[in-house]
Amino acid sequence: MTTDPTDRLDDPDFPALTMSQAAELLGVQPAFLRSLDSSGALEPHRSPGGHRRYSRHQLALAARLRGLLDDGHPLASAETIVGLQDELATARADAERLRSATRRLRTDVDRLRRSGPEGPGAPTP
């Protein structure tokens, strides 16, 4: 079975955009993207010819960094802020998963308690 090669465009990590396309979408100069690359804040994929290629995920990161830089943060601070924002989002998602699991377990325990000694798992005479 052959897959459609355009399906890769739906992958947010697929490096589909050239530097000029990425810069145009972000409303920045290519030099801004080069500076993110040289600082290590963003590591674009390289084509076989050495040209930078950007994914949607990388563009989102560049846009977040740009917003913080526009607010007056130095690049090192902007990188730290983005990292902390990402960690916080992960922690919140983990906490929500734990809350959901706790609710399910409490529901199960309540159901078992209501079923009494004659309920599931009770010894049969």
PDB file of N, CA and C in Angstrom:
ATOM      1  N   MET A   1       0.854  -1.178   0.000  1.00  0.00           N
ATOM      2  CA  MET A   1       0.000   0.000   0.000  1.00  0.00           C
ATOM      3  C   MET A   1       0.901   1.243   0.000  1.00  0.00           C
ATOM      4  N   THR A   2       0.643   2.154  -0.918  1.00  0.00           N
ATOM      5  CA  THR A   2       1.434   3.363  -1.047  1.00  0.00           C
ATOM      6  C   THR A   2       0.733   4.503  -0.337  1.00  0.00           C
ATOM      7  N   THR A   3       1.525   5.278   0.396  1.00  0.00           N
ATOM      8  CA  THR A   3       0.942   6.426   1.078  1.00  0.00           C
ATOM      9  C   THR A   3       1.131   7.665   0.217  1.00  0.00           C
ATOM     10  N   ASP A   4       0.269   8.599   0.410  1.00  0.00           N
ATOM     11  CA  ASP A   4       0.324   9.858  -0.328  1.00  0.00           C
ATOM     12  C   ASP A   4       1.443  10.713   0.254  1.00  0.00           C
ATOM     13  N   PRO A   5       2.439  11.107  -0.548  1.00  0.00           N
ATOM     14  CA  PRO A   5       3.551  11.898  -0.006  1.00  0.00           C
ATOM     15  C   PRO A   5       3.112  13.241   0.567  1.00  0.00           C
ATOM     16  N   THR A   6       1.963  13.748   0.134  1.00  0.00           N
ATOM     17  CA  THR A   6       1.505  15.030   0.679  1.00  0.00           C
ATOM     18  C   THR A   6       0.992  14.892   2.111  1.00  0.00           C
ATOM     19  N   ASP A   7       0.793  13.639   2.578  1.00  0.00           N
ATOM     20  CA  ASP A   7       0.376  13.429   3.969  1.00  0.00           C
ATOM     21  C   ASP A   7       1.413  13.980   4.937  1.00  0.00           C
ATOM     22  N   ARG A   8       2.676  14.035   4.512  1.00  0.00           N
ATOM     23  CA  ARG A   8       3.729  14.556   5.380  1.00  0.00           C
ATOM     24  C   ARG A   8       3.492  16.028   5.720  1.00  0.00           C
ATOM     25  N   LEU A   9       2.770  16.725   4.863  1.00  0.00           N
ATOM     26  CA  LEU A   9       2.510  18.147   5.116  1.00  0.00           C
ATOM     27  C   LEU A   9       1.648  18.352   6.362  1.00  0.00           C
ATOM     28  N   ASP A  10       0.908  17.314   6.761  1.00  0.00           N
ATOM     29  CA  ASP A  10       0.094  17.396   7.972  1.00  0.00           C
ATOM     30  C   ASP A  10       0.935  17.204   9.231  1.00  0.00           C
ATOM     31  N   ASP A  11       2.152  16.703   9.078  1.00  0.00           N
ATOM     32  CA  ASP A  11       3.052  16.469  10.211  1.00  0.00           C
ATOM     33  C   ASP A  11       3.657  17.798  10.636  1.00  0.00           C
ATOM     34  N   PRO A  12       3.405  18.250  11.875  1.00  0.00           N
ATOM     35  CA  PRO A  12       3.935  19.553  12.308  1.00  0.00           C
ATOM     36  C   PRO A  12       5.454  19.597  12.404  1.00  0.00           C
ATOM     37  N   ASP A  13       6.102  18.430  12.363  1.00  0.00           N
ATOM     38  CA  ASP A  13       7.559  18.388  12.431  1.00  0.00           C
ATOM     39  C   ASP A  13       8.221  18.192  11.070  1.00  0.00           C
ATOM     40  N   PHE A  14       7.428  18.102  10.008  1.00  0.00           N
ATOM     41  CA  PHE A  14       7.994  17.923   8.672  1.00  0.00           C
ATOM     42  C   PHE A  14       8.558  19.251   8.170  1.00  0.00           C
ATOM     43  N   PRO A  15       9.846  19.281   7.807  1.00  0.00           N
ATOM     44  CA  PRO A  15      10.482  20.535   7.373  1.00  0.00           C
ATOM     45  C   PRO A  15      10.121  20.887   5.928  1.00  0.00           C
ATOM     46  N   ALA A  16       8.977  21.500   5.745  1.00  0.00           N
ATOM     47  CA  ALA A  16       8.448  21.746   4.411  1.00  0.00           C
ATOM     48  C   ALA A  16       8.771  23.132   3.863  1.00  0.00           C
ATOM     49  N   LEU A  17       9.171  24.061   4.721  1.00  0.00           N
ATOM     50  CA  LEU A  17       9.297  25.449   4.283  1.00  0.00           C
ATOM     51  C   LEU A  17      10.744  25.905   4.175  1.00  0.00           C
ATOM     52  N   THR A  18      11.019  26.635   3.113  1.00  0.00           N
ATOM     53  CA  THR A  18      12.343  27.232   2.962  1.00  0.00           C
ATOM     54  C   THR A  18      12.458  28.415   3.916  1.00  0.00           C
ATOM     55  N   MET A  19      13.663  28.916   4.036  1.00  0.00           N
ATOM     56  CA  MET A  19      13.867  30.066   4.917  1.00  0.00           C
ATOM     57  C   MET A  19      13.048  31.260   4.459  1.00  0.00           C
ATOM     58  N   SER A  20      13.016  31.531   3.168  1.00  0.00           N
ATOM     59  CA  SER A  20      12.266  32.703   2.697  1.00  0.00           C
ATOM     60  C   SER A  20      10.773  32.524   2.936  1.00  0.00           C
ATOM     61  N   GLN A  21      10.258  31.303   2.758  1.00  0.00           N
ATOM     62  CA  GLN A  21       8.839  31.053   3.030  1.00  0.00           C
ATOM     63  C   GLN A  21       8.542  31.215   4.518  1.00  0.00           C
ATOM     64  N   ALA A  22       9.421  30.678   5.352  1.00  0.00           N
ATOM     65  CA  ALA A  22       9.231  30.783   6.803  1.00  0.00           C
ATOM     66  C   ALA A  22       9.281  32.239   7.246  1.00  0.00           C
ATOM     67  N   ALA A  23      10.252  32.979   6.728  1.00  0.00           N
ATOM     68  CA  ALA A  23      10.382  34.391   7.104  1.00  0.00           C
ATOM     69  C   ALA A  23       9.145  35.177   6.676  1.00  0.00           C
ATOM     70  N   GLU A  24       8.650  34.897   5.489  1.00  0.00           N
ATOM     71  CA  GLU A  24       7.455  35.610   5.006  1.00  0.00           C
ATOM     72  C   GLU A  24       6.252  35.292   5.883  1.00  0.00           C
ATOM     73  N   LEU A  25       6.067  34.021   6.226  1.00  0.00           N
ATOM     74  CA  LEU A  25       4.935  33.643   7.078  1.00  0.00           C
ATOM     75  C   LEU A  25       5.006  34.301   8.452  1.00  0.00           C
ATOM     76  N   LEU A  26       6.216  34.419   8.985  1.00  0.00           N
ATOM     77  CA  LEU A  26       6.384  35.014  10.310  1.00  0.00           C
ATOM     78  C   LEU A  26       6.438  36.539  10.280  1.00  0.00           C
ATOM     79  N   GLY A  27       6.626  37.101   9.096  1.00  0.00           N
ATOM     80  CA  GLY A  27       6.751  38.553   9.002  1.00  0.00           C
ATOM     81  C   GLY A  27       8.085  39.051   9.533  1.00  0.00           C
ATOM     82  N   VAL A  28       9.138  38.262   9.324  1.00  0.00           N
ATOM     83  CA  VAL A  28      10.474  38.628   9.790  1.00  0.00           C
ATOM     84  C   VAL A  28      11.442  38.572   8.611  1.00  0.00           C
ATOM     85  N   GLN A  29      12.625  39.077   8.838  1.00  0.00           N
ATOM     86  CA  GLN A  29      13.692  38.966   7.848  1.00  0.00           C
ATOM     87  C   GLN A  29      14.368  37.605   7.994  1.00  0.00           C
ATOM     88  N   PRO A  30      14.886  37.046   6.908  1.00  0.00           N
ATOM     89  CA  PRO A  30      15.619  35.784   7.014  1.00  0.00           C
ATOM     90  C   PRO A  30      16.760  35.859   8.032  1.00  0.00           C
ATOM     91  N   ALA A  31      17.336  37.038   8.212  1.00  0.00           N
ATOM     92  CA  ALA A  31      18.421  37.191   9.187  1.00  0.00           C
ATOM     93  C   ALA A  31      17.962  36.820  10.597  1.00  0.00           C
ATOM     94  N   PHE A  32      16.694  37.072  10.918  1.00  0.00           N
ATOM     95  CA  PHE A  32      16.174  36.704  12.235  1.00  0.00           C
ATOM     96  C   PHE A  32      16.232  35.191  12.409  1.00  0.00           C
ATOM     97  N   LEU A  33      15.803  34.447  11.393  1.00  0.00           N
ATOM     98  CA  LEU A  33      15.845  32.988  11.475  1.00  0.00           C
ATOM     99  C   LEU A  33      17.287  32.481  11.522  1.00  0.00           C
ATOM    100  N   ARG A  34      18.166  33.104  10.768  1.00  0.00           N
ATOM    101  CA  ARG A  34      19.580  32.719  10.816  1.00  0.00           C
ATOM    102  C   ARG A  34      20.146  32.950  12.217  1.00  0.00           C
ATOM    103  N   SER A  35      19.746  34.065  12.858  1.00  0.00           N
ATOM    104  CA  SER A  35      20.262  34.351  14.201  1.00  0.00           C
ATOM    105  C   SER A  35      19.756  33.327  15.213  1.00  0.00           C
ATOM    106  N   LEU A  36      18.512  32.863  15.059  1.00  0.00           N
ATOM    107  CA  LEU A  36      17.999  31.827  15.956  1.00  0.00           C
ATOM    108  C   LEU A  36      18.762  30.523  15.756  1.00  0.00           C
ATOM    109  N   ASP A  37      19.117  30.245  14.510  1.00  0.00           N
ATOM    110  CA  ASP A  37      19.883  29.042  14.197  1.00  0.00           C
ATOM    111  C   ASP A  37      21.293  29.146  14.782  1.00  0.00           C
ATOM    112  N   SER A  38      21.957  30.264  14.564  1.00  0.00           N
ATOM    113  CA  SER A  38      23.346  30.400  15.038  1.00  0.00           C
ATOM    114  C   SER A  38      23.431  30.422  16.561  1.00  0.00           C
ATOM    115  N   SER A  39      22.380  30.888  17.232  1.00  0.00           N
ATOM    116  CA  SER A  39      22.379  30.908  18.703  1.00  0.00           C
ATOM    117  C   SER A  39      22.012  29.545  19.280  1.00  0.00           C
ATOM    118  N   GLY A  40      21.469  28.663  18.449  1.00  0.00           N
ATOM    119  CA  GLY A  40      21.031  27.352  18.925  1.00  0.00           C
ATOM    120  C   GLY A  40      19.617  27.346  19.456  1.00  0.00           C
ATOM    121  N   ALA A  41      18.930  28.480  19.381  1.00  0.00           N
ATOM    122  CA  ALA A  41      17.550  28.559  19.868  1.00  0.00           C
ATOM    123  C   ALA A  41      16.603  27.760  18.973  1.00  0.00           C
ATOM    124  N   LEU A  42      16.962  27.617  17.715  1.00  0.00           N
ATOM    125  CA  LEU A  42      16.145  26.908  16.734  1.00  0.00           C
ATOM    126  C   LEU A  42      17.104  26.147  15.833  1.00  0.00           C
ATOM    127  N   GLU A  43      16.841  24.884  15.619  1.00  0.00           N
ATOM    128  CA  GLU A  43      17.716  24.077  14.774  1.00  0.00           C
ATOM    129  C   GLU A  43      16.932  23.565  13.576  1.00  0.00           C
ATOM    130  N   PRO A  44      16.952  24.309  12.480  1.00  0.00           N
ATOM    131  CA  PRO A  44      16.218  23.872  11.302  1.00  0.00           C
ATOM    132  C   PRO A  44      16.878  22.648  10.664  1.00  0.00           C
ATOM    133  N   HIS A  45      16.063  21.898   9.950  1.00  0.00           N
ATOM    134  CA  HIS A  45      16.564  20.776   9.169  1.00  0.00           C
ATOM    135  C   HIS A  45      17.397  21.347   8.030  1.00  0.00           C
ATOM    136  N   ARG A  46      18.368  20.595   7.583  1.00  0.00           N
ATOM    137  CA  ARG A  46      19.168  21.018   6.428  1.00  0.00           C
ATOM    138  C   ARG A  46      18.878  20.104   5.251  1.00  0.00           C
ATOM    139  N   SER A  47      18.649  20.695   4.094  1.00  0.00           N
ATOM    140  CA  SER A  47      18.458  19.917   2.874  1.00  0.00           C
ATOM    141  C   SER A  47      19.801  19.317   2.480  1.00  0.00           C
ATOM    142  N   PRO A  48      19.817  18.373   1.541  1.00  0.00           N
ATOM    143  CA  PRO A  48      21.103  17.817   1.094  1.00  0.00           C
ATOM    144  C   PRO A  48      22.064  18.901   0.592  1.00  0.00           C
ATOM    145  N   GLY A  49      21.533  20.002   0.096  1.00  0.00           N
ATOM    146  CA  GLY A  49      22.365  21.102  -0.368  1.00  0.00           C
ATOM    147  C   GLY A  49      22.757  22.067   0.737  1.00  0.00           C
ATOM    148  N   GLY A  50      22.335  21.810   1.979  1.00  0.00           N
ATOM    149  CA  GLY A  50      22.701  22.653   3.108  1.00  0.00           C
ATOM    150  C   GLY A  50      21.734  23.795   3.387  1.00  0.00           C
ATOM    151  N   HIS A  51      20.624  23.866   2.662  1.00  0.00           N
ATOM    152  CA  HIS A  51      19.648  24.940   2.868  1.00  0.00           C
ATOM    153  C   HIS A  51      18.756  24.615   4.063  1.00  0.00           C
ATOM    154  N   ARG A  52      18.418  25.652   4.798  1.00  0.00           N
ATOM    155  CA  ARG A  52      17.554  25.472   5.969  1.00  0.00           C
ATOM    156  C   ARG A  52      16.127  25.192   5.523  1.00  0.00           C
ATOM    157  N   ARG A  53      15.493  24.256   6.243  1.00  0.00           N
ATOM    158  CA  ARG A  53      14.084  23.925   6.030  1.00  0.00           C
ATOM    159  C   ARG A  53      13.404  23.947   7.392  1.00  0.00           C
ATOM    160  N   TYR A  54      12.213  24.538   7.445  1.00  0.00           N
ATOM    161  CA  TYR A  54      11.508  24.737   8.707  1.00  0.00           C
ATOM    162  C   TYR A  54      10.186  23.977   8.729  1.00  0.00           C
ATOM    163  N   SER A  55       9.851  23.472   9.903  1.00  0.00           N
ATOM    164  CA  SER A  55       8.571  22.803  10.115  1.00  0.00           C
ATOM    165  C   SER A  55       7.590  23.789  10.750  1.00  0.00           C
ATOM    166  N   ARG A  56       6.330  23.402  10.782  1.00  0.00           N
ATOM    167  CA  ARG A  56       5.326  24.244  11.451  1.00  0.00           C
ATOM    168  C   ARG A  56       5.642  24.377  12.929  1.00  0.00           C
ATOM    169  N   HIS A  57       6.114  23.308  13.537  1.00  0.00           N
ATOM    170  CA  HIS A  57       6.493  23.351  14.956  1.00  0.00           C
ATOM    171  C   HIS A  57       7.606  24.380  15.177  1.00  0.00           C
ATOM    172  N   GLN A  58       8.601  24.389  14.301  1.00  0.00           N
ATOM    173  CA  GLN A  58       9.695  25.347  14.429  1.00  0.00           C
ATOM    174  C   GLN A  58       9.222  26.773  14.198  1.00  0.00           C
ATOM    175  N   LEU A  59       8.284  26.957  13.281  1.00  0.00           N
ATOM    176  CA  LEU A  59       7.741  28.300  13.045  1.00  0.00           C
ATOM    177  C   LEU A  59       6.988  28.795  14.271  1.00  0.00           C
ATOM    178  N   ALA A  60       6.251  27.906  14.913  1.00  0.00           N
ATOM    179  CA  ALA A  60       5.520  28.300  16.127  1.00  0.00           C
ATOM    180  C   ALA A  60       6.502  28.719  17.216  1.00  0.00           C
ATOM    181  N   LEU A  61       7.587  27.974  17.359  1.00  0.00           N
ATOM    182  CA  LEU A  61       8.607  28.325  18.347  1.00  0.00           C
ATOM    183  C   LEU A  61       9.249  29.662  18.003  1.00  0.00           C
ATOM    184  N   ALA A  62       9.579  29.867  16.739  1.00  0.00           N
ATOM    185  CA  ALA A  62      10.182  31.138  16.317  1.00  0.00           C
ATOM    186  C   ALA A  62       9.232  32.296  16.588  1.00  0.00           C
ATOM    187  N   ALA A  63       7.946  32.090  16.346  1.00  0.00           N
ATOM    188  CA  ALA A  63       6.957  33.147  16.594  1.00  0.00           C
ATOM    189  C   ALA A  63       6.870  33.466  18.086  1.00  0.00           C
ATOM    190  N   ARG A  64       6.913  32.451  18.932  1.00  0.00           N
ATOM    191  CA  ARG A  64       6.878  32.678  20.377  1.00  0.00           C
ATOM    192  C   ARG A  64       8.110  33.455  20.824  1.00  0.00           C
ATOM    193  N   LEU A  65       9.264  33.053  20.309  1.00  0.00           N
ATOM    194  CA  LEU A  65      10.500  33.758  20.653  1.00  0.00           C
ATOM    195  C   LEU A  65      10.447  35.197  20.164  1.00  0.00           C
ATOM    196  N   ARG A  66       9.945  35.387  18.961  1.00  0.00           N
ATOM    197  CA  ARG A  66       9.855  36.739  18.404  1.00  0.00           C
ATOM    198  C   ARG A  66       8.972  37.637  19.271  1.00  0.00           C
ATOM    199  N   GLY A  67       7.856  37.103  19.721  1.00  0.00           N
ATOM    200  CA  GLY A  67       6.974  37.879  20.593  1.00  0.00           C
ATOM    201  C   GLY A  67       7.670  38.313  21.872  1.00  0.00           C
ATOM    202  N   LEU A  68       8.428  37.415  22.469  1.00  0.00           N
ATOM    203  CA  LEU A  68       9.148  37.752  23.697  1.00  0.00           C
ATOM    204  C   LEU A  68      10.273  38.742  23.426  1.00  0.00           C
ATOM    205  N   LEU A  69      10.963  38.582  22.302  1.00  0.00           N
ATOM    206  CA  LEU A  69      12.013  39.534  21.936  1.00  0.00           C
ATOM    207  C   LEU A  69      11.411  40.917  21.689  1.00  0.00           C
ATOM    208  N   ASP A  70      10.256  40.948  21.030  1.00  0.00           N
ATOM    209  CA  ASP A  70       9.573  42.222  20.784  1.00  0.00           C
ATOM    210  C   ASP A  70       9.156  42.897  22.088  1.00  0.00           C
ATOM    211  N   ASP A  71       8.901  42.067  23.127  1.00  0.00           N
ATOM    212  CA  ASP A  71       8.540  42.608  24.444  1.00  0.00           C
ATOM    213  C   ASP A  71       9.754  43.092  25.219  1.00  0.00           C
ATOM    214  N   GLY A  72      10.938  42.942  24.640  1.00  0.00           N
ATOM    215  CA  GLY A  72      12.143  43.455  25.269  1.00  0.00           C
ATOM    216  C   GLY A  72      13.008  42.439  25.986  1.00  0.00           C
ATOM    217  N   HIS A  73      12.637  41.162  25.929  1.00  0.00           N
ATOM    218  CA  HIS A  73      13.450  40.134  26.574  1.00  0.00           C
ATOM    219  C   HIS A  73      14.670  39.818  25.716  1.00  0.00           C
ATOM    220  N   PRO A  74      15.824  39.612  26.340  1.00  0.00           N
ATOM    221  CA  PRO A  74      16.962  39.120  25.573  1.00  0.00           C
ATOM    222  C   PRO A  74      16.704  37.659  25.158  1.00  0.00           C
ATOM    223  N   LEU A  75      17.419  37.198  24.147  1.00  0.00           N
ATOM    224  CA  LEU A  75      17.178  35.856  23.612  1.00  0.00           C
ATOM    225  C   LEU A  75      17.303  34.774  24.675  1.00  0.00           C
ATOM    226  N   ALA A  76      18.320  34.841  25.513  1.00  0.00           N
ATOM    227  CA  ALA A  76      18.492  33.810  26.546  1.00  0.00           C
ATOM    228  C   ALA A  76      17.277  33.760  27.477  1.00  0.00           C
ATOM    229  N   SER A  77      16.752  34.915  27.836  1.00  0.00           N
ATOM    230  CA  SER A  77      15.556  34.956  28.690  1.00  0.00           C
ATOM    231  C   SER A  77      14.341  34.420  27.947  1.00  0.00           C
ATOM    232  N   ALA A  78      14.215  34.786  26.685  1.00  0.00           N
ATOM    233  CA  ALA A  78      13.085  34.316  25.878  1.00  0.00           C
ATOM    234  C   ALA A  78      13.105  32.789  25.776  1.00  0.00           C
ATOM    235  N   GLU A  79      14.289  32.221  25.582  1.00  0.00           N
ATOM    236  CA  GLU A  79      14.402  30.758  25.518  1.00  0.00           C
ATOM    237  C   GLU A  79      13.993  30.127  26.844  1.00  0.00           C
ATOM    238  N   THR A  80      14.424  30.716  27.947  1.00  0.00           N
ATOM    239  CA  THR A  80      14.075  30.205  29.264  1.00  0.00           C
ATOM    240  C   THR A  80      12.572  30.301  29.491  1.00  0.00           C
ATOM    241  N   ILE A  81      11.978  31.417  29.126  1.00  0.00           N
ATOM    242  CA  ILE A  81      10.533  31.608  29.303  1.00  0.00           C
ATOM    243  C   ILE A  81       9.760  30.568  28.497  1.00  0.00           C
ATOM    244  N   VAL A  82      10.153  30.370  27.238  1.00  0.00           N
ATOM    245  CA  VAL A  82       9.467  29.388  26.398  1.00  0.00           C
ATOM    246  C   VAL A  82       9.609  27.993  27.002  1.00  0.00           C
ATOM    247  N   GLY A  83      10.806  27.661  27.468  1.00  0.00           N
ATOM    248  CA  GLY A  83      11.012  26.356  28.095  1.00  0.00           C
ATOM    249  C   GLY A  83      10.142  26.165  29.322  1.00  0.00           C
ATOM    250  N   LEU A  84      10.058  27.200  30.150  1.00  0.00           N
ATOM    251  CA  LEU A  84       9.228  27.113  31.349  1.00  0.00           C
ATOM    252  C   LEU A  84       7.736  27.048  31.006  1.00  0.00           C
ATOM    253  N   GLN A  85       7.324  27.792  29.981  1.00  0.00           N
ATOM    254  CA  GLN A  85       5.925  27.720  29.540  1.00  0.00           C
ATOM    255  C   GLN A  85       5.586  26.305  29.083  1.00  0.00           C
ATOM    256  N   ASP A  86       6.502  25.690  28.343  1.00  0.00           N
ATOM    257  CA  ASP A  86       6.274  24.326  27.862  1.00  0.00           C
ATOM    258  C   ASP A  86       6.221  23.329  29.017  1.00  0.00           C
ATOM    259  N   GLU A  87       7.123  23.492  29.992  1.00  0.00           N
ATOM    260  CA  GLU A  87       7.111  22.617  31.160  1.00  0.00           C
ATOM    261  C   GLU A  87       5.813  22.771  31.943  1.00  0.00           C
ATOM    262  N   LEU A  88       5.353  24.004  32.087  1.00  0.00           N
ATOM    263  CA  LEU A  88       4.109  24.251  32.802  1.00  0.00           C
ATOM    264  C   LEU A  88       2.923  23.619  32.072  1.00  0.00           C
ATOM    265  N   ALA A  89       2.891  23.742  30.759  1.00  0.00           N
ATOM    266  CA  ALA A  89       1.802  23.142  29.984  1.00  0.00           C
ATOM    267  C   ALA A  89       1.808  21.621  30.139  1.00  0.00           C
ATOM    268  N   THR A  90       2.992  21.014  30.131  1.00  0.00           N
ATOM    269  CA  THR A  90       3.103  19.567  30.326  1.00  0.00           C
ATOM    270  C   THR A  90       2.645  19.179  31.723  1.00  0.00           C
ATOM    271  N   ALA A  91       3.061  19.931  32.725  1.00  0.00           N
ATOM    272  CA  ALA A  91       2.669  19.639  34.113  1.00  0.00           C
ATOM    273  C   ALA A  91       1.154  19.773  34.280  1.00  0.00           C
ATOM    274  N   ARG A  92       0.573  20.785  33.665  1.00  0.00           N
ATOM    275  CA  ARG A  92      -0.889  20.945  33.762  1.00  0.00           C
ATOM    276  C   ARG A  92      -1.620  19.786  33.085  1.00  0.00           C
ATOM    277  N   ALA A  93      -1.123  19.348  31.932  1.00  0.00           N
ATOM    278  CA  ALA A  93      -1.742  18.212  31.242  1.00  0.00           C
ATOM    279  C   ALA A  93      -1.603  16.947  32.084  1.00  0.00           C
ATOM    280  N   ASP A  94      -0.425  16.745  32.688  1.00  0.00           N
ATOM    281  CA  ASP A  94      -0.228  15.588  33.568  1.00  0.00           C
ATOM    282  C   ASP A  94      -1.171  15.645  34.758  1.00  0.00           C
ATOM    283  N   ALA A  95      -1.315  16.814  35.356  1.00  0.00           N
ATOM    284  CA  ALA A  95      -2.203  16.974  36.507  1.00  0.00           C
ATOM    285  C   ALA A  95      -3.650  16.667  36.117  1.00  0.00           C
ATOM    286  N   GLU A  96      -4.064  17.104  34.949  1.00  0.00           N
ATOM    287  CA  GLU A  96      -5.432  16.822  34.498  1.00  0.00           C
ATOM    288  C   GLU A  96      -5.638  15.328  34.264  1.00  0.00           C
ATOM    289  N   ARG A  97      -4.641  14.660  33.686  1.00  0.00           N
ATOM    290  CA  ARG A  97      -4.741  13.207  33.501  1.00  0.00           C
ATOM    291  C   ARG A  97      -4.857  12.509  34.854  1.00  0.00           C
ATOM    292  N   LEU A  98      -4.080  12.965  35.839  1.00  0.00           N
ATOM    293  CA  LEU A  98      -4.154  12.368  37.170  1.00  0.00           C
ATOM    294  C   LEU A  98      -5.505  12.626  37.827  1.00  0.00           C
ATOM    295  N   ARG A  99      -6.034  13.842  37.660  1.00  0.00           N
ATOM    296  CA  ARG A  99      -7.365  14.142  38.216  1.00  0.00           C
ATOM    297  C   ARG A  99      -8.421  13.238  37.581  1.00  0.00           C
ATOM    298  N   SER A 100      -8.333  13.031  36.278  1.00  0.00           N
ATOM    299  CA  SER A 100      -9.292  12.158  35.593  1.00  0.00           C
ATOM    300  C   SER A 100      -9.179  10.726  36.096  1.00  0.00           C
ATOM    301  N   ALA A 101      -7.956  10.242  36.246  1.00  0.00           N
ATOM    302  CA  ALA A 101      -7.760   8.881  36.754  1.00  0.00           C
ATOM    303  C   ALA A 101      -8.297   8.756  38.171  1.00  0.00           C
ATOM    304  N   THR A 102      -8.082   9.772  38.998  1.00  0.00           N
ATOM    305  CA  THR A 102      -8.578   9.763  40.377  1.00  0.00           C
ATOM    306  C   THR A 102     -10.105   9.725  40.394  1.00  0.00           C
ATOM    307  N   ARG A 103     -10.745  10.523  39.527  1.00  0.00           N
ATOM    308  CA  ARG A 103     -12.216  10.513  39.454  1.00  0.00           C
ATOM    309  C   ARG A 103     -12.727   9.125  39.054  1.00  0.00           C
ATOM    310  N   ARG A 104     -12.064   8.505  38.070  1.00  0.00           N
ATOM    311  CA  ARG A 104     -12.490   7.165  37.639  1.00  0.00           C
ATOM    312  C   ARG A 104     -12.338   6.155  38.772  1.00  0.00           C
ATOM    313  N   LEU A 105     -11.210   6.223  39.487  1.00  0.00           N
ATOM    314  CA  LEU A 105     -10.982   5.285  40.589  1.00  0.00           C
ATOM    315  C   LEU A 105     -11.992   5.502  41.717  1.00  0.00           C
ATOM    316  N   ARG A 106     -12.289   6.755  42.031  1.00  0.00           N
ATOM    317  CA  ARG A 106     -13.279   7.033  43.087  1.00  0.00           C
ATOM    318  C   ARG A 106     -14.650   6.506  42.684  1.00  0.00           C
ATOM    319  N   THR A 107     -15.007   6.669  41.425  1.00  0.00           N
ATOM    320  CA  THR A 107     -16.285   6.151  40.932  1.00  0.00           C
ATOM    321  C   THR A 107     -16.312   4.628  41.068  1.00  0.00           C
ATOM    322  N   ASP A 108     -15.217   3.980  40.702  1.00  0.00           N
ATOM    323  CA  ASP A 108     -15.149   2.519  40.823  1.00  0.00           C
ATOM    324  C   ASP A 108     -15.262   2.078  42.276  1.00  0.00           C
ATOM    325  N   VAL A 109     -14.554   2.758  43.184  1.00  0.00           N
ATOM    326  CA  VAL A 109     -14.603   2.409  44.608  1.00  0.00           C
ATOM    327  C   VAL A 109     -16.014   2.618  45.147  1.00  0.00           C
ATOM    328  N   ASP A 110     -16.643   3.742  44.799  1.00  0.00           N
ATOM    329  CA  ASP A 110     -18.015   4.002  45.252  1.00  0.00           C
ATOM    330  C   ASP A 110     -18.968   2.925  44.746  1.00  0.00           C
ATOM    331  N   ARG A 111     -18.810   2.538  43.499  1.00  0.00           N
ATOM    332  CA  ARG A 111     -19.676   1.504  42.922  1.00  0.00           C
ATOM    333  C   ARG A 111     -19.484   0.177  43.653  1.00  0.00           C
ATOM    334  N   LEU A 112     -18.249  -0.169  43.941  1.00  0.00           N
ATOM    335  CA  LEU A 112     -17.976  -1.423  44.660  1.00  0.00           C
ATOM    336  C   LEU A 112     -18.521  -1.371  46.083  1.00  0.00           C
ATOM    337  N   ARG A 113     -18.398  -0.216  46.737  1.00  0.00           N
ATOM    338  CA  ARG A 113     -18.931  -0.092  48.097  1.00  0.00           C
ATOM    339  C   ARG A 113     -20.451  -0.234  48.107  1.00  0.00           C
ATOM    340  N   ARG A 114     -21.116   0.373  47.109  1.00  0.00           N
ATOM    341  CA  ARG A 114     -22.579   0.291  47.042  1.00  0.00           C
ATOM    342  C   ARG A 114     -23.057  -1.120  46.744  1.00  0.00           C
ATOM    343  N   SER A 115     -22.239  -1.898  46.068  1.00  0.00           N
ATOM    344  CA  SER A 115     -22.675  -3.248  45.722  1.00  0.00           C
ATOM    345  C   SER A 115     -22.664  -4.160  46.939  1.00  0.00           C
ATOM    346  N   GLY A 116     -22.001  -3.723  48.018  1.00  0.00           N
ATOM    347  CA  GLY A 116     -22.029  -4.462  49.279  1.00  0.00           C
ATOM    348  C   GLY A 116     -21.310  -5.794  49.192  1.00  0.00           C
ATOM    349  N   PRO A 117     -21.428  -6.572  50.269  1.00  0.00           N
ATOM    350  CA  PRO A 117     -20.721  -7.845  50.322  1.00  0.00           C
ATOM    351  C   PRO A 117     -21.236  -8.849  49.297  1.00  0.00           C
ATOM    352  N   GLU A 118     -22.462  -8.642  48.791  1.00  0.00           N
ATOM    353  CA  GLU A 118     -23.005  -9.564  47.794  1.00  0.00           C
ATOM    354  C   GLU A 118     -22.534  -9.204  46.385  1.00  0.00           C
ATOM    355  N   GLY A 119     -21.805  -8.098  46.274  1.00  0.00           N
ATOM    356  CA  GLY A 119     -21.384  -7.592  44.952  1.00  0.00           C
ATOM    357  C   GLY A 119     -20.285  -8.434  44.344  1.00  0.00           C
ATOM    358  N   PRO A 120     -19.720  -7.917  43.273  1.00  0.00           N
ATOM    359  CA  PRO A 120     -18.661  -8.641  42.564  1.00  0.00           C
ATOM    360  C   PRO A 120     -17.500  -8.939  43.507  1.00  0.00           C
ATOM    361  N   GLY A 121     -16.967 -10.136  43.400  1.00  0.00           N
ATOM    362  CA  GLY A 121     -15.830 -10.519  44.206  1.00  0.00           C
ATOM    363  C   GLY A 121     -16.193 -11.046  45.574  1.00  0.00           C
ATOM    364  N   ALA A 122     -17.492 -11.025  45.934  1.00  0.00           N
ATOM    365  CA  ALA A 122     -17.915 -11.533  47.237  1.00  0.00           C
ATOM    366  C   ALA A 122     -17.837 -13.057  47.220  1.00  0.00           C
ATOM    367  N   PRO A 123     -17.457 -13.656  48.333  1.00  0.00           N
ATOM    368  CA  PRO A 123     -17.397 -15.128  48.371  1.00  0.00           C
ATOM    369  C   PRO A 123     -18.787 -15.713  48.213  1.00  0.00           C
ATOM    370  N   THR A 124     -18.855 -16.795  47.504  1.00  0.00           N
ATOM    371  CA  THR A 124     -20.148 -17.458  47.310  1.00  0.00           C
ATOM    372  C   THR A 124     -20.289 -18.569  48.345  1.00  0.00           C
ATOM    373  N   PRO A 125     -21.512 -18.738  48.881  1.00  0.00           N
ATOM    374  CA  PRO A 125     -21.712 -19.756  49.924  1.00  0.00           C
ATOM    375  C   PRO A 125     -21.640 -21.156  49.390  1.00  0.00           C
TER     376      PRO A 125
END
